[in-house]
Amino acid sequence: MDIEGKKMWRMAGSTGAIGIEIAAAIAIGYFGGHWLDQHFGTSPWLTIGGFVVGLGAAVKALVRVVREYRNTMVGPR
């Protein structure tokens, strides 16, 4: 397989996995915050905080994949 074909398959793998990564980040943040709320009795604050942290991690992952895609297709800037 040529180099360009390998780049495309690597990019397809990263792009395909981002949906799972986003869902996992948000779910771990939400359920982790919910567990902490039950443990400390601070409902709903840690659930909301965990969700926001998970959302931030999801956005960071999305930005990482977009930058990787841009660098692969266009070249580094």
C-alpha atoms as a PDB file:
ATOM      1  CA  MET A   1       0.000   0.000   0.000  1.00  0.00           C
ATOM      2  CA  ASP A   2       1.324   3.446  -0.840  1.00  0.00           C
ATOM      3  CA  ILE A   3       1.980   6.166   1.744  1.00  0.00           C
ATOM      4  CA  GLU A   4      -1.102   8.163   0.775  1.00  0.00           C
ATOM      5  CA  GLY A   5      -3.330   5.107   1.248  1.00  0.00           C
ATOM      6  CA  LYS A   6      -1.870   4.479   4.711  1.00  0.00           C
ATOM      7  CA  LYS A   7      -2.544   8.104   5.685  1.00  0.00           C
ATOM      8  CA  MET A   8      -6.155   7.778   4.598  1.00  0.00           C
ATOM      9  CA  TRP A   9      -6.698   4.557   6.592  1.00  0.00           C
ATOM     10  CA  ARG A  10      -5.087   6.094   9.689  1.00  0.00           C
ATOM     11  CA  MET A  11      -7.288   9.159   9.349  1.00  0.00           C
ATOM     12  CA  ALA A  12     -10.398   7.003   8.879  1.00  0.00           C
ATOM     13  CA  GLY A  13      -9.576   5.155  12.100  1.00  0.00           C
ATOM     14  CA  SER A  14      -9.163   8.387  14.063  1.00  0.00           C
ATOM     15  CA  THR A  15     -12.321   9.872  12.629  1.00  0.00           C
ATOM     16  CA  GLY A  16     -14.346   6.732  13.269  1.00  0.00           C
ATOM     17  CA  ALA A  17     -13.223   6.487  16.885  1.00  0.00           C
ATOM     18  CA  ILE A  18     -14.007  10.110  17.773  1.00  0.00           C
ATOM     19  CA  GLY A  19     -17.718   9.414  18.265  1.00  0.00           C
ATOM     20  CA  ILE A  20     -16.992   6.745  20.845  1.00  0.00           C
ATOM     21  CA  GLU A  21     -14.423   8.982  22.523  1.00  0.00           C
ATOM     22  CA  ILE A  22     -16.882  11.883  22.776  1.00  0.00           C
ATOM     23  CA  ALA A  23     -19.647   9.693  24.185  1.00  0.00           C
ATOM     24  CA  ALA A  24     -17.285   8.073  26.690  1.00  0.00           C
ATOM     25  CA  ALA A  25     -15.868  11.399  27.906  1.00  0.00           C
ATOM     26  CA  ILE A  26     -19.308  12.885  28.518  1.00  0.00           C
ATOM     27  CA  ALA A  27     -20.665   9.703  30.126  1.00  0.00           C
ATOM     28  CA  ILE A  28     -17.664   9.278  32.445  1.00  0.00           C
ATOM     29  CA  GLY A  29     -17.867  12.926  33.500  1.00  0.00           C
ATOM     30  CA  TYR A  30     -21.613  12.798  34.121  1.00  0.00           C
ATOM     31  CA  PHE A  31     -21.732   9.477  35.951  1.00  0.00           C
ATOM     32  CA  GLY A  32     -18.567  10.261  37.904  1.00  0.00           C
ATOM     33  CA  GLY A  33     -20.114  13.531  39.058  1.00  0.00           C
ATOM     34  CA  HIS A  34     -23.360  11.750  39.889  1.00  0.00           C
ATOM     35  CA  TRP A  35     -21.509   9.183  41.995  1.00  0.00           C
ATOM     36  CA  LEU A  36     -19.658  11.947  43.824  1.00  0.00           C
ATOM     37  CA  ASP A  37     -22.964  13.765  44.426  1.00  0.00           C
ATOM     38  CA  GLN A  38     -24.393  10.653  46.052  1.00  0.00           C
ATOM     39  CA  HIS A  39     -21.241  10.181  48.109  1.00  0.00           C
ATOM     40  CA  PHE A  40     -20.966  13.787  49.361  1.00  0.00           C
ATOM     41  CA  GLY A  41     -24.639  14.834  49.219  1.00  0.00           C
ATOM     42  CA  THR A  42     -24.012  17.837  46.975  1.00  0.00           C
ATOM     43  CA  SER A  43     -26.658  17.081  44.350  1.00  0.00           C
ATOM     44  CA  PRO A  44     -26.770  18.325  41.519  1.00  0.00           C
ATOM     45  CA  TRP A  45     -23.557  20.370  41.533  1.00  0.00           C
ATOM     46  CA  LEU A  46     -20.948  17.681  40.986  1.00  0.00           C
ATOM     47  CA  THR A  47     -23.121  16.024  38.346  1.00  0.00           C
ATOM     48  CA  ILE A  48     -23.256  19.301  36.435  1.00  0.00           C
ATOM     49  CA  GLY A  49     -19.530  19.867  36.994  1.00  0.00           C
ATOM     50  CA  GLY A  50     -18.687  16.359  35.806  1.00  0.00           C
ATOM     51  CA  PHE A  51     -20.820  16.835  32.715  1.00  0.00           C
ATOM     52  CA  VAL A  52     -19.067  20.120  31.910  1.00  0.00           C
ATOM     53  CA  VAL A  53     -15.636  18.535  32.401  1.00  0.00           C
ATOM     54  CA  GLY A  54     -16.672  15.627  30.152  1.00  0.00           C
ATOM     55  CA  LEU A  55     -17.940  18.058  27.549  1.00  0.00           C
ATOM     56  CA  GLY A  56     -14.619  19.906  27.676  1.00  0.00           C
ATOM     57  CA  ALA A  57     -12.719  16.650  27.187  1.00  0.00           C
ATOM     58  CA  ALA A  58     -14.974  15.818  24.230  1.00  0.00           C
ATOM     59  CA  VAL A  59     -14.323  19.199  22.604  1.00  0.00           C
ATOM     60  CA  LYS A  60     -10.588  18.774  23.158  1.00  0.00           C
ATOM     61  CA  ALA A  61     -10.691  15.363  21.461  1.00  0.00           C
ATOM     62  CA  LEU A  62     -12.630  16.799  18.536  1.00  0.00           C
ATOM     63  CA  VAL A  63     -10.144  19.651  18.119  1.00  0.00           C
ATOM     64  CA  ARG A  64      -7.281  17.128  18.198  1.00  0.00           C
ATOM     65  CA  VAL A  65      -8.831  15.083  15.387  1.00  0.00           C
ATOM     66  CA  VAL A  66      -9.574  18.181  13.295  1.00  0.00           C
ATOM     67  CA  ARG A  67      -5.976  19.387  13.668  1.00  0.00           C
ATOM     68  CA  GLU A  68      -4.659  15.942  12.784  1.00  0.00           C
ATOM     69  CA  TYR A  69      -6.907  15.825   9.728  1.00  0.00           C
ATOM     70  CA  ARG A  70      -5.858  19.308   8.642  1.00  0.00           C
ATOM     71  CA  ASN A  71      -2.152  18.489   9.049  1.00  0.00           C
ATOM     72  CA  THR A  72      -2.551  15.235   7.122  1.00  0.00           C
ATOM     73  CA  MET A  73      -4.523  16.716   4.237  1.00  0.00           C
ATOM     74  CA  VAL A  74      -3.004  20.188   3.938  1.00  0.00           C
ATOM     75  CA  GLY A  75       0.345  19.856   5.691  1.00  0.00           C
ATOM     76  CA  PRO A  76       1.642  21.487   8.869  1.00  0.00           C
ATOM     77  CA  ARG A  77       1.220  25.237   9.225  1.00  0.00           C
END
